Amino acid sequence: IDPDRDGVPESVELARGAGIRVVMITGDYLKTAIAIAHNVKILHKEENEESAAVDCATLRPNDEYLPHDRMDALTSSVRVFARARPEDKLEIVKSLQRQGLVTAMTGDGVNDAPALNQANIGVAMGIQGTEVAKGASDMI
């Protein structure tokens, strides 16, 4: 596991304190994603990992996305999505928006561009971000 970036756990705690629900969508394997989420305080030890973290294959059984009502029920409570494809990120953002939530998405790669563009606020990572991610974002 790569080390956490400076300030991430504190930023997550500040966001939570402000009433912001922090969700992690990653291409990492589920166990790795859970470990990272614990390190940066997206998940806490007392939480049920089985309901708070899922592999994105759960969103698309038989390679078709869940109906909106089931997708929305899932995304309303899950905070860690692992093994995410670019289209999974986009579908998660759309689902959160259907629930009336304002979404902000951070990303740095070409694979993040569709979700960055769809989010209410797309934030590209300035130094390491690709030009495609920066072009799809509202903020760098």
N, C-alpha and C. Protein backbone atom coordinates (compact mmCIF):
# COMPACT_ATOMS: atom_id res chain seq x y z
N ILE A 1 0.86 -1.19 0.00
CA ILE A 1 0.00 0.00 0.00
C ILE A 1 0.89 1.24 0.00
N ASP A 2 0.59 2.15 -0.90
CA ASP A 2 1.32 3.42 -0.92
C ASP A 2 1.01 4.20 0.34
N PRO A 3 1.96 5.00 0.80
CA PRO A 3 1.68 5.81 2.00
C PRO A 3 0.61 6.86 1.69
N ASP A 4 -0.15 7.22 2.73
CA ASP A 4 -1.18 8.25 2.59
C ASP A 4 -0.52 9.57 2.24
N ARG A 5 -1.21 10.35 1.46
CA ARG A 5 -0.72 11.71 1.20
C ARG A 5 -0.89 12.53 2.47
N ASP A 6 0.03 13.46 2.67
CA ASP A 6 -0.02 14.33 3.85
C ASP A 6 -1.37 15.03 3.93
N GLY A 7 -1.95 15.02 5.10
CA GLY A 7 -3.18 15.77 5.35
C GLY A 7 -4.47 15.08 4.98
N VAL A 8 -4.41 13.91 4.33
CA VAL A 8 -5.65 13.26 3.88
C VAL A 8 -6.54 12.84 5.06
N PRO A 9 -6.02 12.13 6.06
CA PRO A 9 -6.91 11.75 7.18
C PRO A 9 -7.56 12.96 7.85
N GLU A 10 -6.79 14.02 8.02
CA GLU A 10 -7.32 15.23 8.65
C GLU A 10 -8.39 15.88 7.76
N SER A 11 -8.15 15.88 6.46
CA SER A 11 -9.13 16.46 5.52
C SER A 11 -10.43 15.67 5.53
N VAL A 12 -10.34 14.34 5.59
CA VAL A 12 -11.54 13.50 5.64
C VAL A 12 -12.32 13.81 6.92
N GLU A 13 -11.62 13.91 8.04
CA GLU A 13 -12.30 14.23 9.30
C GLU A 13 -12.95 15.61 9.26
N LEU A 14 -12.27 16.59 8.68
CA LEU A 14 -12.85 17.93 8.55
C LEU A 14 -14.09 17.91 7.67
N ALA A 15 -14.02 17.17 6.57
CA ALA A 15 -15.17 17.07 5.67
C ALA A 15 -16.35 16.41 6.38
N ARG A 16 -16.09 15.33 7.08
CA ARG A 16 -17.16 14.66 7.83
C ARG A 16 -17.78 15.60 8.86
N GLY A 17 -16.94 16.36 9.54
CA GLY A 17 -17.42 17.31 10.53
C GLY A 17 -18.30 18.39 9.93
N ALA A 18 -18.08 18.66 8.64
CA ALA A 18 -18.87 19.67 7.94
C ALA A 18 -20.12 19.05 7.29
N GLY A 19 -20.35 17.76 7.54
CA GLY A 19 -21.53 17.10 6.99
C GLY A 19 -21.35 16.56 5.59
N ILE A 20 -20.12 16.45 5.13
CA ILE A 20 -19.83 15.93 3.79
C ILE A 20 -19.57 14.43 3.90
N ARG A 21 -20.25 13.67 3.07
CA ARG A 21 -20.03 12.22 3.02
C ARG A 21 -18.90 11.95 2.05
N VAL A 22 -17.81 11.40 2.54
CA VAL A 22 -16.64 11.10 1.72
C VAL A 22 -16.74 9.67 1.22
N VAL A 23 -16.64 9.51 -0.10
CA VAL A 23 -16.71 8.20 -0.74
C VAL A 23 -15.43 8.01 -1.54
N MET A 24 -14.87 6.81 -1.47
CA MET A 24 -13.68 6.48 -2.24
C MET A 24 -14.06 5.50 -3.35
N ILE A 25 -13.69 5.85 -4.56
CA ILE A 25 -13.89 4.98 -5.72
C ILE A 25 -12.50 4.72 -6.29
N THR A 26 -12.09 3.46 -6.31
CA THR A 26 -10.72 3.12 -6.68
C THR A 26 -10.66 1.87 -7.53
N GLY A 27 -9.60 1.76 -8.28
CA GLY A 27 -9.36 0.54 -9.05
C GLY A 27 -8.69 -0.54 -8.24
N ASP A 28 -8.30 -0.23 -7.01
CA ASP A 28 -7.62 -1.20 -6.15
C ASP A 28 -8.55 -2.37 -5.80
N TYR A 29 -7.92 -3.47 -5.43
CA TYR A 29 -8.69 -4.63 -4.95
C TYR A 29 -9.38 -4.26 -3.65
N LEU A 30 -10.45 -4.98 -3.33
CA LEU A 30 -11.29 -4.65 -2.19
C LEU A 30 -10.51 -4.60 -0.88
N LYS A 31 -9.71 -5.62 -0.59
CA LYS A 31 -8.97 -5.62 0.69
C LYS A 31 -8.00 -4.44 0.77
N THR A 32 -7.35 -4.12 -0.33
CA THR A 32 -6.45 -2.97 -0.36
C THR A 32 -7.24 -1.68 -0.14
N ALA A 33 -8.37 -1.56 -0.81
CA ALA A 33 -9.21 -0.36 -0.68
C ALA A 33 -9.70 -0.19 0.75
N ILE A 34 -10.09 -1.27 1.39
CA ILE A 34 -10.54 -1.21 2.78
C ILE A 34 -9.41 -0.74 3.69
N ALA A 35 -8.22 -1.28 3.48
CA ALA A 35 -7.06 -0.88 4.30
C ALA A 35 -6.77 0.61 4.13
N ILE A 36 -6.78 1.07 2.89
CA ILE A 36 -6.54 2.50 2.63
C ILE A 36 -7.63 3.34 3.28
N ALA A 37 -8.88 2.91 3.13
CA ALA A 37 -10.01 3.67 3.70
C ALA A 37 -9.90 3.76 5.22
N HIS A 38 -9.43 2.72 5.87
CA HIS A 38 -9.20 2.78 7.32
C HIS A 38 -8.07 3.77 7.63
N ASN A 39 -6.99 3.70 6.86
CA ASN A 39 -5.83 4.59 7.10
C ASN A 39 -6.20 6.06 6.98
N VAL A 40 -7.08 6.39 6.03
CA VAL A 40 -7.42 7.80 5.81
C VAL A 40 -8.74 8.19 6.48
N LYS A 41 -9.27 7.29 7.29
CA LYS A 41 -10.45 7.55 8.12
C LYS A 41 -11.76 7.67 7.35
N ILE A 42 -11.81 7.08 6.17
CA ILE A 42 -13.10 6.99 5.46
C ILE A 42 -13.93 5.90 6.12
N LEU A 43 -13.28 4.84 6.56
CA LEU A 43 -13.92 3.77 7.33
C LEU A 43 -13.33 3.76 8.74
N HIS A 44 -14.17 3.38 9.71
CA HIS A 44 -13.73 3.26 11.09
C HIS A 44 -13.79 1.80 11.52
N LYS A 45 -13.00 1.43 12.49
CA LYS A 45 -12.88 0.03 12.92
C LYS A 45 -14.20 -0.61 13.30
N GLU A 46 -15.09 0.16 13.90
CA GLU A 46 -16.35 -0.42 14.39
C GLU A 46 -17.38 -0.64 13.28
N GLU A 47 -17.08 -0.20 12.07
CA GLU A 47 -18.05 -0.33 10.97
C GLU A 47 -18.04 -1.72 10.36
N ASN A 48 -19.17 -2.11 9.82
CA ASN A 48 -19.30 -3.37 9.11
C ASN A 48 -18.76 -3.18 7.69
N GLU A 49 -17.58 -3.72 7.43
CA GLU A 49 -16.94 -3.56 6.14
C GLU A 49 -17.76 -4.15 5.00
N GLU A 50 -18.52 -5.20 5.27
CA GLU A 50 -19.30 -5.84 4.21
C GLU A 50 -20.40 -4.94 3.66
N SER A 51 -20.90 -4.03 4.47
CA SER A 51 -21.92 -3.12 3.97
C SER A 51 -21.36 -1.76 3.59
N ALA A 52 -20.17 -1.42 4.07
CA ALA A 52 -19.59 -0.11 3.79
C ALA A 52 -18.64 -0.11 2.60
N ALA A 53 -18.20 -1.30 2.16
CA ALA A 53 -17.25 -1.41 1.06
C ALA A 53 -17.66 -2.55 0.13
N VAL A 54 -17.64 -2.29 -1.17
CA VAL A 54 -18.02 -3.32 -2.15
C VAL A 54 -17.08 -3.31 -3.35
N ASP A 55 -16.99 -4.46 -3.99
CA ASP A 55 -16.35 -4.56 -5.29
C ASP A 55 -17.37 -4.07 -6.31
N CYS A 56 -16.94 -3.28 -7.27
CA CYS A 56 -17.86 -2.70 -8.24
C CYS A 56 -18.56 -3.73 -9.12
N ALA A 57 -18.09 -4.96 -9.12
CA ALA A 57 -18.81 -6.01 -9.84
C ALA A 57 -20.23 -6.15 -9.28
N THR A 58 -20.42 -5.78 -8.02
CA THR A 58 -21.74 -5.81 -7.38
C THR A 58 -22.71 -4.87 -8.09
N LEU A 59 -22.20 -3.80 -8.68
CA LEU A 59 -23.05 -2.83 -9.37
C LEU A 59 -23.54 -3.33 -10.72
N ARG A 60 -22.82 -4.31 -11.26
CA ARG A 60 -23.11 -4.76 -12.62
C ARG A 60 -23.08 -6.29 -12.74
N PRO A 61 -23.99 -6.94 -12.02
CA PRO A 61 -24.04 -8.41 -12.18
C PRO A 61 -24.38 -8.75 -13.63
N ASN A 62 -23.76 -9.74 -14.16
CA ASN A 62 -23.96 -10.15 -15.55
C ASN A 62 -23.67 -9.00 -16.53
N ASP A 63 -22.76 -8.13 -16.14
CA ASP A 63 -22.32 -6.98 -16.96
C ASP A 63 -23.42 -5.99 -17.32
N GLU A 64 -24.50 -5.97 -16.54
CA GLU A 64 -25.53 -4.94 -16.69
C GLU A 64 -25.70 -4.25 -15.35
N TYR A 65 -25.76 -2.92 -15.40
CA TYR A 65 -25.91 -2.18 -14.15
C TYR A 65 -27.25 -2.46 -13.50
N LEU A 66 -27.25 -2.41 -12.19
CA LEU A 66 -28.48 -2.59 -11.42
C LEU A 66 -29.51 -1.55 -11.85
N PRO A 67 -30.80 -1.86 -11.69
CA PRO A 67 -31.82 -0.83 -11.93
C PRO A 67 -31.58 0.36 -10.99
N HIS A 68 -32.04 1.53 -11.41
CA HIS A 68 -31.77 2.75 -10.65
C HIS A 68 -32.12 2.63 -9.17
N ASP A 69 -33.26 2.04 -8.84
CA ASP A 69 -33.66 1.98 -7.43
C ASP A 69 -32.67 1.16 -6.60
N ARG A 70 -32.20 0.04 -7.15
CA ARG A 70 -31.24 -0.80 -6.43
C ARG A 70 -29.85 -0.16 -6.38
N MET A 71 -29.46 0.46 -7.49
CA MET A 71 -28.17 1.17 -7.54
C MET A 71 -28.17 2.30 -6.51
N ASP A 72 -29.25 3.06 -6.48
CA ASP A 72 -29.34 4.19 -5.56
C ASP A 72 -29.34 3.74 -4.10
N ALA A 73 -29.99 2.62 -3.82
CA ALA A 73 -30.00 2.08 -2.46
C ALA A 73 -28.57 1.70 -2.04
N LEU A 74 -27.84 1.13 -2.95
CA LEU A 74 -26.47 0.71 -2.66
C LEU A 74 -25.55 1.92 -2.47
N THR A 75 -25.61 2.86 -3.40
CA THR A 75 -24.70 4.01 -3.31
C THR A 75 -25.06 4.96 -2.17
N SER A 76 -26.26 4.84 -1.64
CA SER A 76 -26.64 5.71 -0.53
C SER A 76 -25.93 5.35 0.77
N SER A 77 -25.39 4.14 0.86
CA SER A 77 -24.75 3.73 2.11
C SER A 77 -23.29 3.31 1.96
N VAL A 78 -22.90 2.82 0.81
CA VAL A 78 -21.53 2.35 0.61
C VAL A 78 -20.59 3.55 0.52
N ARG A 79 -19.42 3.42 1.15
CA ARG A 79 -18.45 4.51 1.10
C ARG A 79 -17.14 4.13 0.42
N VAL A 80 -16.97 2.85 0.11
CA VAL A 80 -15.76 2.41 -0.59
C VAL A 80 -16.17 1.50 -1.74
N PHE A 81 -15.82 1.91 -2.95
CA PHE A 81 -16.07 1.14 -4.15
C PHE A 81 -14.73 0.73 -4.73
N ALA A 82 -14.50 -0.59 -4.82
CA ALA A 82 -13.21 -1.11 -5.28
C ALA A 82 -13.34 -1.73 -6.67
N ARG A 83 -12.19 -1.90 -7.32
CA ARG A 83 -12.10 -2.50 -8.66
C ARG A 83 -13.00 -1.75 -9.65
N ALA A 84 -13.01 -0.42 -9.53
CA ALA A 84 -13.89 0.41 -10.35
C ALA A 84 -13.32 0.61 -11.75
N ARG A 85 -14.19 0.45 -12.72
CA ARG A 85 -13.89 0.80 -14.11
C ARG A 85 -14.31 2.26 -14.31
N PRO A 86 -13.83 2.89 -15.37
CA PRO A 86 -14.24 4.28 -15.61
C PRO A 86 -15.76 4.44 -15.67
N GLU A 87 -16.45 3.51 -16.29
CA GLU A 87 -17.91 3.61 -16.39
C GLU A 87 -18.60 3.40 -15.04
N ASP A 88 -17.96 2.66 -14.13
CA ASP A 88 -18.50 2.49 -12.78
C ASP A 88 -18.49 3.83 -12.05
N LYS A 89 -17.37 4.54 -12.18
CA LYS A 89 -17.25 5.84 -11.53
C LYS A 89 -18.35 6.78 -12.00
N LEU A 90 -18.59 6.77 -13.30
CA LEU A 90 -19.64 7.61 -13.87
C LEU A 90 -21.01 7.21 -13.34
N GLU A 91 -21.32 5.92 -13.29
CA GLU A 91 -22.62 5.45 -12.81
C GLU A 91 -22.82 5.76 -11.33
N ILE A 92 -21.76 5.69 -10.55
CA ILE A 92 -21.87 6.02 -9.12
C ILE A 92 -22.19 7.51 -8.96
N VAL A 93 -21.51 8.36 -9.71
CA VAL A 93 -21.78 9.80 -9.64
C VAL A 93 -23.23 10.08 -10.05
N LYS A 94 -23.68 9.47 -11.14
CA LYS A 94 -25.07 9.68 -11.59
C LYS A 94 -26.07 9.22 -10.53
N SER A 95 -25.78 8.11 -9.89
CA SER A 95 -26.67 7.59 -8.86
C SER A 95 -26.77 8.56 -7.68
N LEU A 96 -25.64 9.07 -7.25
CA LEU A 96 -25.65 10.03 -6.14
C LEU A 96 -26.43 11.29 -6.52
N GLN A 97 -26.28 11.72 -7.76
CA GLN A 97 -27.02 12.91 -8.23
C GLN A 97 -28.52 12.64 -8.30
N ARG A 98 -28.91 11.43 -8.69
CA ARG A 98 -30.35 11.09 -8.71
C ARG A 98 -30.96 11.21 -7.31
N GLN A 99 -30.12 11.02 -6.30
CA GLN A 99 -30.58 11.12 -4.91
C GLN A 99 -30.61 12.56 -4.41
N GLY A 100 -30.32 13.49 -5.30
CA GLY A 100 -30.35 14.90 -4.94
C GLY A 100 -29.09 15.40 -4.28
N LEU A 101 -28.03 14.61 -4.34
CA LEU A 101 -26.78 15.01 -3.70
C LEU A 101 -25.91 15.81 -4.66
N VAL A 102 -25.17 16.74 -4.12
CA VAL A 102 -24.17 17.47 -4.89
C VAL A 102 -22.90 16.64 -4.83
N THR A 103 -22.33 16.37 -6.00
CA THR A 103 -21.15 15.51 -6.04
C THR A 103 -19.91 16.29 -6.45
N ALA A 104 -18.81 15.95 -5.79
CA ALA A 104 -17.49 16.44 -6.18
C ALA A 104 -16.64 15.20 -6.42
N MET A 105 -15.87 15.23 -7.48
CA MET A 105 -15.05 14.07 -7.85
C MET A 105 -13.63 14.55 -8.06
N THR A 106 -12.67 13.84 -7.49
CA THR A 106 -11.27 14.14 -7.76
C THR A 106 -10.71 13.03 -8.62
N GLY A 107 -9.75 13.37 -9.46
CA GLY A 107 -9.12 12.36 -10.31
C GLY A 107 -7.93 12.94 -11.02
N ASP A 108 -7.13 12.02 -11.58
CA ASP A 108 -5.93 12.48 -12.26
C ASP A 108 -5.71 11.83 -13.61
N GLY A 109 -6.53 10.86 -13.97
CA GLY A 109 -6.27 10.13 -15.20
C GLY A 109 -7.36 10.22 -16.23
N VAL A 110 -7.06 9.72 -17.40
CA VAL A 110 -8.02 9.66 -18.50
C VAL A 110 -9.25 8.88 -18.07
N ASN A 111 -9.05 7.82 -17.29
CA ASN A 111 -10.17 6.99 -16.84
C ASN A 111 -11.12 7.73 -15.89
N ASP A 112 -10.68 8.83 -15.32
CA ASP A 112 -11.52 9.61 -14.41
C ASP A 112 -12.35 10.68 -15.14
N ALA A 113 -12.00 10.98 -16.37
CA ALA A 113 -12.59 12.10 -17.09
C ALA A 113 -14.12 12.05 -17.19
N PRO A 114 -14.75 10.92 -17.53
CA PRO A 114 -16.22 10.94 -17.61
C PRO A 114 -16.89 11.31 -16.28
N ALA A 115 -16.40 10.77 -15.18
CA ALA A 115 -16.99 11.07 -13.87
C ALA A 115 -16.65 12.50 -13.44
N LEU A 116 -15.45 12.98 -13.75
CA LEU A 116 -15.09 14.37 -13.44
C LEU A 116 -16.02 15.33 -14.16
N ASN A 117 -16.32 15.01 -15.40
CA ASN A 117 -17.20 15.85 -16.21
C ASN A 117 -18.64 15.82 -15.70
N GLN A 118 -19.11 14.66 -15.26
CA GLN A 118 -20.49 14.50 -14.79
C GLN A 118 -20.71 15.12 -13.41
N ALA A 119 -19.70 15.07 -12.56
CA ALA A 119 -19.85 15.58 -11.19
C ALA A 119 -20.20 17.05 -11.20
N ASN A 120 -20.89 17.48 -10.15
CA ASN A 120 -21.20 18.91 -10.02
C ASN A 120 -19.92 19.73 -9.94
N ILE A 121 -18.91 19.17 -9.29
CA ILE A 121 -17.60 19.81 -9.20
C ILE A 121 -16.55 18.74 -9.52
N GLY A 122 -15.87 18.89 -10.63
CA GLY A 122 -14.77 18.00 -11.00
C GLY A 122 -13.46 18.65 -10.63
N VAL A 123 -12.63 17.93 -9.88
CA VAL A 123 -11.36 18.48 -9.42
C VAL A 123 -10.22 17.58 -9.93
N ALA A 124 -9.41 18.13 -10.84
CA ALA A 124 -8.25 17.38 -11.36
C ALA A 124 -7.06 17.65 -10.46
N MET A 125 -6.23 16.64 -10.31
CA MET A 125 -5.01 16.79 -9.53
C MET A 125 -4.00 17.53 -10.39
N GLY A 126 -3.58 18.70 -9.95
CA GLY A 126 -2.79 19.62 -10.76
C GLY A 126 -1.45 19.11 -11.25
N ILE A 127 -0.58 18.67 -10.37
CA ILE A 127 0.78 18.31 -10.76
C ILE A 127 0.81 17.00 -11.53
N GLN A 128 0.11 15.98 -11.02
CA GLN A 128 0.19 14.67 -11.66
C GLN A 128 -0.97 14.37 -12.59
N GLY A 129 -1.92 15.28 -12.70
CA GLY A 129 -3.09 15.04 -13.53
C GLY A 129 -2.80 15.09 -15.01
N THR A 130 -3.51 14.26 -15.78
CA THR A 130 -3.37 14.28 -17.23
C THR A 130 -4.12 15.48 -17.79
N GLU A 131 -3.78 15.84 -19.00
CA GLU A 131 -4.47 16.96 -19.66
C GLU A 131 -5.94 16.63 -19.87
N VAL A 132 -6.26 15.37 -20.12
CA VAL A 132 -7.66 14.96 -20.30
C VAL A 132 -8.44 15.18 -19.02
N ALA A 133 -7.88 14.78 -17.88
CA ALA A 133 -8.55 14.97 -16.59
C ALA A 133 -8.73 16.46 -16.30
N LYS A 134 -7.70 17.24 -16.58
CA LYS A 134 -7.79 18.69 -16.35
C LYS A 134 -8.86 19.31 -17.24
N GLY A 135 -8.95 18.87 -18.48
CA GLY A 135 -9.94 19.40 -19.41
C GLY A 135 -11.37 19.07 -19.02
N ALA A 136 -11.57 17.94 -18.34
CA ALA A 136 -12.90 17.50 -17.94
C ALA A 136 -13.34 18.09 -16.61
N SER A 137 -12.44 18.80 -15.94
CA SER A 137 -12.68 19.27 -14.58
C SER A 137 -13.08 20.74 -14.53
N ASP A 138 -13.69 21.09 -13.40
CA ASP A 138 -14.04 22.48 -13.13
C ASP A 138 -12.91 23.21 -12.42
N MET A 139 -12.06 22.43 -11.75
CA MET A 139 -11.02 23.01 -10.90
C MET A 139 -9.77 22.14 -11.01
N ILE A 140 -8.62 22.76 -10.95
CA ILE A 140 -7.35 22.02 -11.00
C ILE A 140 -6.56 22.32 -9.74
